């Protein structure tokens, strides 16, 4: 390394590369590690999130249907 590079690095002028907390390899610009996959979401996690959201949507639809049925029962009993 040249003396200029060392001097600039010591003054904070050179960008410091962040290292992966898992394997200490340099992180890419997006904060992910190409070596161990730190910072990357796997497709399985995304699928689980989509499935969870779908289940929440079904739950909400069922709750709305139960409210509608309850209103229909109350209306017919009056």
C-alpha atoms as a PDB file:
ATOM      1  CA  UNK A   1       0.000   0.000   0.000  1.00  0.00           C
ATOM      2  CA  UNK A   2       1.369   3.402  -0.859  1.00  0.00           C
ATOM      3  CA  UNK A   3       2.082   6.013   1.791  1.00  0.00           C
ATOM      4  CA  UNK A   4      -0.681   8.227   0.360  1.00  0.00           C
ATOM      5  CA  UNK A   5      -3.248   5.445   0.700  1.00  0.00           C
ATOM      6  CA  UNK A   6      -2.142   4.784   4.275  1.00  0.00           C
ATOM      7  CA  UNK A   7      -2.321   8.505   5.106  1.00  0.00           C
ATOM      8  CA  UNK A   8      -5.765   8.880   3.554  1.00  0.00           C
ATOM      9  CA  UNK A   9      -6.973   5.775   5.315  1.00  0.00           C
ATOM     10  CA  UNK A  10      -5.742   7.135   8.636  1.00  0.00           C
ATOM     11  CA  UNK A  11      -7.617  10.407   8.113  1.00  0.00           C
ATOM     12  CA  UNK A  12     -10.885   8.632   7.390  1.00  0.00           C
ATOM     13  CA  UNK A  13     -10.810   9.571   3.694  1.00  0.00           C
ATOM     14  CA  UNK A  14     -10.755   6.004   2.438  1.00  0.00           C
ATOM     15  CA  UNK A  15     -14.052   4.151   2.725  1.00  0.00           C
ATOM     16  CA  UNK A  16     -13.844   1.424   5.304  1.00  0.00           C
ATOM     17  CA  UNK A  17     -15.267  -1.901   4.290  1.00  0.00           C
ATOM     18  CA  UNK A  18     -17.578  -3.440   6.810  1.00  0.00           C
ATOM     19  CA  UNK A  19     -17.017  -7.044   7.692  1.00  0.00           C
ATOM     20  CA  UNK A  20     -19.546  -9.781   8.192  1.00  0.00           C
ATOM     21  CA  UNK A  21     -20.330 -10.413  11.865  1.00  0.00           C
ATOM     22  CA  UNK A  22     -20.622 -14.151  11.171  1.00  0.00           C
ATOM     23  CA  UNK A  23     -17.497 -14.903   9.110  1.00  0.00           C
ATOM     24  CA  UNK A  24     -15.509 -11.604   9.103  1.00  0.00           C
ATOM     25  CA  UNK A  25     -15.414 -11.450   5.300  1.00  0.00           C
ATOM     26  CA  UNK A  26     -16.033  -8.058   3.618  1.00  0.00           C
ATOM     27  CA  UNK A  27     -19.704  -7.202   3.089  1.00  0.00           C
ATOM     28  CA  UNK A  28     -21.027  -6.195  -0.319  1.00  0.00           C
ATOM     29  CA  UNK A  29     -22.555  -2.755  -0.939  1.00  0.00           C
ATOM     30  CA  UNK A  30     -26.029  -4.056  -0.071  1.00  0.00           C
ATOM     31  CA  UNK A  31     -24.853  -5.296   3.339  1.00  0.00           C
ATOM     32  CA  UNK A  32     -24.903  -8.973   2.380  1.00  0.00           C
ATOM     33  CA  UNK A  33     -22.063 -11.439   2.644  1.00  0.00           C
ATOM     34  CA  UNK A  34     -21.367 -13.484  -0.469  1.00  0.00           C
ATOM     35  CA  UNK A  35     -19.396 -16.004   1.578  1.00  0.00           C
ATOM     36  CA  UNK A  36     -21.927 -17.116   4.218  1.00  0.00           C
ATOM     37  CA  UNK A  37     -25.146 -15.402   3.071  1.00  0.00           C
ATOM     38  CA  UNK A  38     -25.432 -13.004   5.997  1.00  0.00           C
ATOM     39  CA  UNK A  39     -28.076 -10.354   5.359  1.00  0.00           C
ATOM     40  CA  UNK A  40     -29.847 -12.267   2.609  1.00  0.00           C
ATOM     41  CA  UNK A  41     -33.367 -13.596   3.021  1.00  0.00           C
ATOM     42  CA  UNK A  42     -33.794 -17.071   1.736  1.00  0.00           C
ATOM     43  CA  UNK A  43     -36.740 -17.963  -0.454  1.00  0.00           C
ATOM     44  CA  UNK A  44     -38.074 -20.131   2.370  1.00  0.00           C
ATOM     45  CA  UNK A  45     -38.467 -17.126   4.668  1.00  0.00           C
ATOM     46  CA  UNK A  46     -40.236 -15.176   1.940  1.00  0.00           C
ATOM     47  CA  UNK A  47     -42.571 -18.110   1.301  1.00  0.00           C
ATOM     48  CA  UNK A  48     -43.315 -18.355   5.025  1.00  0.00           C
ATOM     49  CA  UNK A  49     -44.117 -14.637   5.162  1.00  0.00           C
ATOM     50  CA  UNK A  50     -46.447 -14.928   2.176  1.00  0.00           C
ATOM     51  CA  UNK A  51     -48.140 -17.978   3.691  1.00  0.00           C
ATOM     52  CA  UNK A  52     -48.547 -16.218   7.034  1.00  0.00           C
ATOM     53  CA  UNK A  53     -50.094 -13.205   5.304  1.00  0.00           C
ATOM     54  CA  UNK A  54     -52.466 -15.478   3.391  1.00  0.00           C
ATOM     55  CA  UNK A  55     -53.548 -17.150   6.628  1.00  0.00           C
ATOM     56  CA  UNK A  56     -54.131 -13.750   8.238  1.00  0.00           C
ATOM     57  CA  UNK A  57     -56.242 -12.715   5.242  1.00  0.00           C
ATOM     58  CA  UNK A  58     -58.343 -15.894   5.529  1.00  0.00           C
ATOM     59  CA  UNK A  59     -58.765 -15.295   9.271  1.00  0.00           C
ATOM     60  CA  UNK A  60     -59.969 -11.754   8.633  1.00  0.00           C
ATOM     61  CA  UNK A  61     -62.414 -12.933   5.960  1.00  0.00           C
ATOM     62  CA  UNK A  62     -63.816 -15.590   8.298  1.00  0.00           C
ATOM     63  CA  UNK A  63     -64.231 -13.057  11.107  1.00  0.00           C
ATOM     64  CA  UNK A  64     -66.113 -10.734   8.747  1.00  0.00           C
ATOM     65  CA  UNK A  65     -68.343 -13.619   7.653  1.00  0.00           C
ATOM     66  CA  UNK A  66     -69.104 -14.497  11.282  1.00  0.00           C
ATOM     67  CA  UNK A  67     -70.051 -10.883  12.006  1.00  0.00           C
ATOM     68  CA  UNK A  68     -72.381 -10.867   8.994  1.00  0.00           C
ATOM     69  CA  UNK A  69     -74.019 -14.147  10.056  1.00  0.00           C
ATOM     70  CA  UNK A  70     -74.430 -12.819  13.597  1.00  0.00           C
ATOM     71  CA  UNK A  71     -76.148  -9.682  12.274  1.00  0.00           C
ATOM     72  CA  UNK A  72     -78.438 -11.833  10.107  1.00  0.00           C
ATOM     73  CA  UNK A  73     -79.403 -13.986  13.108  1.00  0.00           C
ATOM     74  CA  UNK A  74     -80.077 -10.973  15.309  1.00  0.00           C
ATOM     75  CA  UNK A  75     -82.142  -9.311  12.570  1.00  0.00           C
ATOM     76  CA  UNK A  76     -84.288 -12.449  12.046  1.00  0.00           C
ATOM     77  CA  UNK A  77     -84.858 -12.876  15.782  1.00  0.00           C
ATOM     78  CA  UNK A  78     -86.296  -9.377  16.173  1.00  0.00           C
END
